[in-house]
Amino acid sequence: MLGVAWISTMVAGVFAGCRAVPLANLDCDRPEWTSFRWAGVAPVAGPWIQLAVLPSEGDTWPAYLIATGLAQATGLGLLIAAVALGSERGTVDVQPVVTRHAVMLRAGGRF
């Protein structure tokens, strides 16, 4: 969860403030968006920093930044909880299953 939200924030931030120009080029040399783009590199704190430095024309970004910020914080909390609990508390078992028509993985566990 942490990784997916973090990568999506970074990828979306790369194109923030870009304008489409003729001949399929992007104009991304707008200095007011530079600090916004770089803030997305920071995990967990990045979306909140981006929210603070958001240029006034970025009115569609706040909801996305809040959602990814909450998703990253949740992912970090789950990661910390998993490390704190250790592997003694539960087991996960993944096994290959081969049938006549399909090959798949079956996952199960005890918690």
N, C-alpha and C. Protein backbone atom coordinates (compact mmCIF):
# COMPACT_ATOMS: atom_id res chain seq x y z
N MET A 1 0.83 -1.18 0.00
CA MET A 1 0.00 0.00 0.00
C MET A 1 0.88 1.26 0.00
N LEU A 2 1.89 1.24 0.83
CA LEU A 2 2.79 2.39 0.91
C LEU A 2 3.48 2.62 -0.43
N GLY A 3 4.01 1.55 -1.01
CA GLY A 3 4.75 1.67 -2.27
C GLY A 3 3.89 2.12 -3.43
N VAL A 4 2.69 1.57 -3.54
CA VAL A 4 1.80 1.93 -4.65
C VAL A 4 1.40 3.40 -4.55
N ALA A 5 1.02 3.85 -3.37
CA ALA A 5 0.62 5.25 -3.20
C ALA A 5 1.81 6.19 -3.43
N TRP A 6 2.97 5.80 -2.97
CA TRP A 6 4.16 6.65 -3.12
C TRP A 6 4.54 6.78 -4.60
N ILE A 7 4.59 5.66 -5.30
CA ILE A 7 4.95 5.69 -6.72
C ILE A 7 3.92 6.45 -7.53
N SER A 8 2.63 6.28 -7.22
CA SER A 8 1.61 7.02 -7.97
C SER A 8 1.74 8.53 -7.74
N THR A 9 2.10 8.93 -6.53
CA THR A 9 2.30 10.35 -6.25
C THR A 9 3.49 10.89 -7.02
N MET A 10 4.58 10.13 -7.08
CA MET A 10 5.76 10.57 -7.82
C MET A 10 5.48 10.67 -9.31
N VAL A 11 4.83 9.65 -9.88
CA VAL A 11 4.56 9.64 -11.32
C VAL A 11 3.60 10.77 -11.70
N ALA A 12 2.54 10.95 -10.92
CA ALA A 12 1.59 12.03 -11.22
C ALA A 12 2.25 13.39 -11.06
N GLY A 13 3.13 13.52 -10.09
CA GLY A 13 3.79 14.80 -9.85
C GLY A 13 4.76 15.21 -10.94
N VAL A 14 5.30 14.25 -11.67
CA VAL A 14 6.24 14.56 -12.75
C VAL A 14 5.57 15.45 -13.80
N PHE A 15 4.29 15.20 -14.07
CA PHE A 15 3.59 15.94 -15.11
C PHE A 15 2.74 17.09 -14.56
N ALA A 16 2.89 17.40 -13.29
CA ALA A 16 2.10 18.47 -12.68
C ALA A 16 2.47 19.81 -13.28
N GLY A 17 1.47 20.57 -13.67
CA GLY A 17 1.69 21.89 -14.20
C GLY A 17 2.15 21.94 -15.64
N CYS A 18 2.21 20.80 -16.31
CA CYS A 18 2.62 20.78 -17.72
C CYS A 18 1.46 21.21 -18.61
N ARG A 19 1.81 21.84 -19.68
CA ARG A 19 0.80 22.24 -20.68
C ARG A 19 1.10 21.51 -21.97
N ALA A 20 0.05 21.02 -22.60
CA ALA A 20 0.21 20.39 -23.91
C ALA A 20 0.39 21.48 -24.96
N VAL A 21 1.40 21.32 -25.79
CA VAL A 21 1.64 22.26 -26.87
C VAL A 21 1.58 21.50 -28.18
N PRO A 22 1.44 22.18 -29.31
CA PRO A 22 1.34 21.48 -30.60
C PRO A 22 2.50 20.51 -30.84
N LEU A 23 2.25 19.56 -31.69
CA LEU A 23 3.21 18.53 -32.09
C LEU A 23 3.53 17.57 -30.95
N ALA A 24 2.57 17.33 -30.07
CA ALA A 24 2.66 16.31 -29.01
C ALA A 24 3.82 16.54 -28.05
N ASN A 25 4.14 17.78 -27.77
CA ASN A 25 5.18 18.09 -26.79
C ASN A 25 4.52 18.58 -25.51
N LEU A 26 5.25 18.51 -24.42
CA LEU A 26 4.77 19.04 -23.15
C LEU A 26 5.67 20.19 -22.72
N ASP A 27 5.05 21.24 -22.24
CA ASP A 27 5.78 22.37 -21.71
C ASP A 27 5.77 22.24 -20.19
N CYS A 28 6.86 21.75 -19.63
CA CYS A 28 6.94 21.52 -18.18
C CYS A 28 7.98 22.42 -17.51
N ASP A 29 8.34 23.52 -18.16
CA ASP A 29 9.37 24.41 -17.63
C ASP A 29 8.76 25.58 -16.86
N ARG A 30 7.78 25.30 -16.04
CA ARG A 30 7.14 26.35 -15.27
C ARG A 30 7.69 26.31 -13.85
N PRO A 31 8.44 27.33 -13.43
CA PRO A 31 9.15 27.29 -12.16
C PRO A 31 8.24 27.20 -10.93
N GLU A 32 7.00 27.66 -11.01
CA GLU A 32 6.13 27.59 -9.83
C GLU A 32 5.74 26.16 -9.46
N TRP A 33 5.96 25.19 -10.36
CA TRP A 33 5.64 23.79 -10.09
C TRP A 33 6.86 22.97 -9.68
N THR A 34 8.05 23.53 -9.71
CA THR A 34 9.27 22.77 -9.44
C THR A 34 9.29 22.20 -8.03
N SER A 35 9.01 23.00 -7.02
CA SER A 35 9.04 22.49 -5.65
C SER A 35 7.93 21.48 -5.42
N PHE A 36 6.80 21.65 -6.10
CA PHE A 36 5.70 20.68 -6.00
C PHE A 36 6.15 19.32 -6.52
N ARG A 37 6.82 19.31 -7.68
CA ARG A 37 7.28 18.03 -8.26
C ARG A 37 8.28 17.33 -7.36
N TRP A 38 9.25 18.07 -6.83
CA TRP A 38 10.29 17.44 -6.00
C TRP A 38 9.77 16.96 -4.66
N ALA A 39 8.73 17.58 -4.13
CA ALA A 39 8.19 17.16 -2.84
C ALA A 39 7.58 15.76 -2.92
N GLY A 40 7.14 15.34 -4.09
CA GLY A 40 6.54 14.01 -4.25
C GLY A 40 7.52 12.87 -4.06
N VAL A 41 8.81 13.16 -4.04
CA VAL A 41 9.82 12.12 -3.85
C VAL A 41 9.84 11.62 -2.41
N ALA A 42 9.44 12.46 -1.48
CA ALA A 42 9.48 12.09 -0.07
C ALA A 42 8.30 11.18 0.27
N PRO A 43 8.55 9.98 0.79
CA PRO A 43 7.44 9.11 1.17
C PRO A 43 6.74 9.64 2.42
N VAL A 44 5.47 9.41 2.51
CA VAL A 44 4.57 9.76 3.61
C VAL A 44 4.42 11.28 3.77
N ALA A 45 5.49 12.03 3.89
CA ALA A 45 5.39 13.48 4.07
C ALA A 45 5.20 14.20 2.74
N GLY A 46 5.56 13.59 1.64
CA GLY A 46 5.51 14.23 0.33
C GLY A 46 4.16 14.82 -0.06
N PRO A 47 3.06 14.06 0.03
CA PRO A 47 1.77 14.64 -0.34
C PRO A 47 1.37 15.83 0.52
N TRP A 48 1.74 15.83 1.78
CA TRP A 48 1.39 16.93 2.67
C TRP A 48 2.24 18.16 2.34
N ILE A 49 3.52 17.95 1.98
CA ILE A 49 4.36 19.06 1.54
C ILE A 49 3.83 19.62 0.22
N GLN A 50 3.45 18.71 -0.69
CA GLN A 50 2.90 19.16 -1.97
C GLN A 50 1.63 19.98 -1.77
N LEU A 51 0.83 19.59 -0.81
CA LEU A 51 -0.39 20.34 -0.52
C LEU A 51 -0.07 21.75 -0.04
N ALA A 52 1.02 21.88 0.71
CA ALA A 52 1.42 23.20 1.23
C ALA A 52 2.00 24.10 0.15
N VAL A 53 2.73 23.53 -0.83
CA VAL A 53 3.39 24.35 -1.85
C VAL A 53 2.62 24.36 -3.17
N LEU A 54 1.42 23.87 -3.17
CA LEU A 54 0.60 23.78 -4.38
C LEU A 54 0.32 25.17 -4.97
N PRO A 55 0.68 25.39 -6.24
CA PRO A 55 0.35 26.68 -6.87
C PRO A 55 -1.17 26.88 -6.92
N SER A 56 -1.58 28.12 -7.01
CA SER A 56 -3.01 28.45 -6.95
C SER A 56 -3.81 27.86 -8.09
N GLU A 57 -3.19 27.57 -9.23
CA GLU A 57 -3.93 27.02 -10.35
C GLU A 57 -4.14 25.51 -10.25
N GLY A 58 -3.61 24.86 -9.23
CA GLY A 58 -3.75 23.41 -9.08
C GLY A 58 -4.95 23.02 -8.25
N ASP A 59 -6.14 23.46 -8.64
CA ASP A 59 -7.32 23.25 -7.82
C ASP A 59 -7.85 21.82 -7.80
N THR A 60 -7.38 20.96 -8.70
CA THR A 60 -7.86 19.57 -8.70
C THR A 60 -6.96 18.65 -7.89
N TRP A 61 -5.85 19.14 -7.39
CA TRP A 61 -4.88 18.30 -6.68
C TRP A 61 -5.22 18.00 -5.23
N PRO A 62 -5.85 18.87 -4.45
CA PRO A 62 -5.98 18.61 -3.01
C PRO A 62 -6.62 17.27 -2.64
N ALA A 63 -7.69 16.87 -3.29
CA ALA A 63 -8.33 15.60 -2.95
C ALA A 63 -7.40 14.42 -3.21
N TYR A 64 -6.69 14.46 -4.34
CA TYR A 64 -5.75 13.39 -4.67
C TYR A 64 -4.61 13.33 -3.66
N LEU A 65 -4.08 14.48 -3.30
CA LEU A 65 -2.96 14.52 -2.36
C LEU A 65 -3.37 14.04 -0.97
N ILE A 66 -4.56 14.39 -0.53
CA ILE A 66 -5.05 13.92 0.78
C ILE A 66 -5.24 12.40 0.75
N ALA A 67 -5.82 11.88 -0.34
CA ALA A 67 -6.03 10.43 -0.46
C ALA A 67 -4.71 9.66 -0.47
N THR A 68 -3.74 10.14 -1.26
CA THR A 68 -2.46 9.42 -1.30
C THR A 68 -1.68 9.61 0.00
N GLY A 69 -1.82 10.75 0.65
CA GLY A 69 -1.17 10.95 1.95
C GLY A 69 -1.70 10.00 3.00
N LEU A 70 -3.03 9.83 3.02
CA LEU A 70 -3.63 8.88 3.97
C LEU A 70 -3.26 7.44 3.63
N ALA A 71 -3.22 7.11 2.33
CA ALA A 71 -2.84 5.76 1.92
C ALA A 71 -1.39 5.46 2.31
N GLN A 72 -0.49 6.42 2.12
CA GLN A 72 0.91 6.22 2.50
C GLN A 72 1.06 6.09 4.01
N ALA A 73 0.34 6.90 4.77
CA ALA A 73 0.42 6.80 6.23
C ALA A 73 -0.13 5.46 6.72
N THR A 74 -1.22 5.00 6.10
CA THR A 74 -1.77 3.70 6.45
C THR A 74 -0.79 2.58 6.12
N GLY A 75 -0.18 2.66 4.94
CA GLY A 75 0.80 1.65 4.54
C GLY A 75 2.00 1.63 5.47
N LEU A 76 2.45 2.80 5.90
CA LEU A 76 3.56 2.85 6.85
C LEU A 76 3.17 2.24 8.19
N GLY A 77 1.96 2.53 8.64
CA GLY A 77 1.47 1.94 9.89
C GLY A 77 1.38 0.43 9.81
N LEU A 78 0.89 -0.08 8.68
CA LEU A 78 0.82 -1.53 8.50
C LEU A 78 2.20 -2.16 8.45
N LEU A 79 3.14 -1.48 7.81
CA LEU A 79 4.51 -1.99 7.75
C LEU A 79 5.14 -2.05 9.13
N ILE A 80 4.95 -1.00 9.91
CA ILE A 80 5.50 -0.99 11.28
C ILE A 80 4.84 -2.07 12.13
N ALA A 81 3.53 -2.24 12.00
CA ALA A 81 2.82 -3.27 12.76
C ALA A 81 3.31 -4.67 12.38
N ALA A 82 3.54 -4.89 11.10
CA ALA A 82 4.01 -6.21 10.65
C ALA A 82 5.40 -6.51 11.20
N VAL A 83 6.26 -5.52 11.21
CA VAL A 83 7.61 -5.73 11.74
C VAL A 83 7.56 -5.93 13.26
N ALA A 84 6.72 -5.18 13.93
CA ALA A 84 6.62 -5.29 15.39
C ALA A 84 6.05 -6.63 15.82
N LEU A 85 5.07 -7.14 15.08
CA LEU A 85 4.46 -8.41 15.46
C LEU A 85 5.35 -9.60 15.14
N GLY A 86 6.18 -9.47 14.15
CA GLY A 86 7.07 -10.57 13.80
C GLY A 86 6.35 -11.67 13.06
N SER A 87 7.10 -12.68 12.67
CA SER A 87 6.53 -13.77 11.88
C SER A 87 5.96 -14.89 12.74
N GLU A 88 6.11 -14.83 14.05
CA GLU A 88 5.59 -15.89 14.92
C GLU A 88 4.07 -15.86 15.01
N ARG A 89 3.47 -14.74 14.78
CA ARG A 89 2.04 -14.58 14.96
C ARG A 89 1.21 -15.21 13.85
N GLY A 90 1.75 -15.32 12.68
CA GLY A 90 0.95 -15.85 11.58
C GLY A 90 1.84 -16.43 10.50
N THR A 91 1.23 -17.23 9.67
CA THR A 91 1.96 -17.81 8.56
C THR A 91 1.13 -17.63 7.29
N VAL A 92 1.81 -17.46 6.20
CA VAL A 92 1.17 -17.37 4.89
C VAL A 92 1.77 -18.47 4.03
N ASP A 93 0.90 -19.19 3.34
CA ASP A 93 1.33 -20.30 2.51
C ASP A 93 0.87 -20.05 1.08
N VAL A 94 1.78 -20.08 0.13
CA VAL A 94 1.46 -19.91 -1.28
C VAL A 94 1.89 -21.18 -2.00
N GLN A 95 0.95 -21.78 -2.72
CA GLN A 95 1.24 -23.03 -3.42
C GLN A 95 0.79 -22.94 -4.87
N PRO A 96 1.57 -23.54 -5.77
CA PRO A 96 1.11 -23.60 -7.16
C PRO A 96 0.00 -24.64 -7.32
N VAL A 97 -0.96 -24.34 -8.16
CA VAL A 97 -2.05 -25.27 -8.46
C VAL A 97 -2.11 -25.43 -9.97
N VAL A 98 -2.00 -26.66 -10.43
CA VAL A 98 -2.03 -26.93 -11.86
C VAL A 98 -3.25 -27.81 -12.13
N THR A 99 -4.12 -27.33 -13.00
CA THR A 99 -5.27 -28.11 -13.42
C THR A 99 -5.16 -28.34 -14.92
N ARG A 100 -6.14 -28.99 -15.46
CA ARG A 100 -6.11 -29.29 -16.89
C ARG A 100 -6.20 -28.01 -17.73
N HIS A 101 -6.90 -26.99 -17.20
CA HIS A 101 -7.15 -25.79 -17.99
C HIS A 101 -6.43 -24.55 -17.48
N ALA A 102 -5.78 -24.62 -16.34
CA ALA A 102 -5.18 -23.41 -15.79
C ALA A 102 -4.01 -23.72 -14.88
N VAL A 103 -3.15 -22.74 -14.74
CA VAL A 103 -2.06 -22.77 -13.78
C VAL A 103 -2.23 -21.51 -12.93
N MET A 104 -2.28 -21.68 -11.61
CA MET A 104 -2.52 -20.54 -10.73
C MET A 104 -1.81 -20.72 -9.40
N LEU A 105 -1.89 -19.71 -8.57
CA LEU A 105 -1.35 -19.76 -7.22
C LEU A 105 -2.50 -19.72 -6.23
N ARG A 106 -2.36 -20.51 -5.17
CA ARG A 106 -3.34 -20.50 -4.07
C ARG A 106 -2.64 -20.01 -2.83
N ALA A 107 -3.26 -19.05 -2.18
CA ALA A 107 -2.66 -18.48 -0.96
C ALA A 107 -3.60 -18.72 0.21
N GLY A 108 -3.00 -19.01 1.34
CA GLY A 108 -3.76 -19.20 2.56
C GLY A 108 -2.88 -18.86 3.75
N GLY A 109 -3.48 -18.73 4.88
CA GLY A 109 -2.67 -18.38 6.03
C GLY A 109 -3.42 -18.51 7.33
N ARG A 110 -2.67 -18.44 8.44
CA ARG A 110 -3.23 -18.43 9.79
C ARG A 110 -2.71 -17.20 10.50
N PHE A 111 -3.64 -16.48 11.13
CA PHE A 111 -3.25 -15.26 11.83
C PHE A 111 -3.78 -15.28 13.24
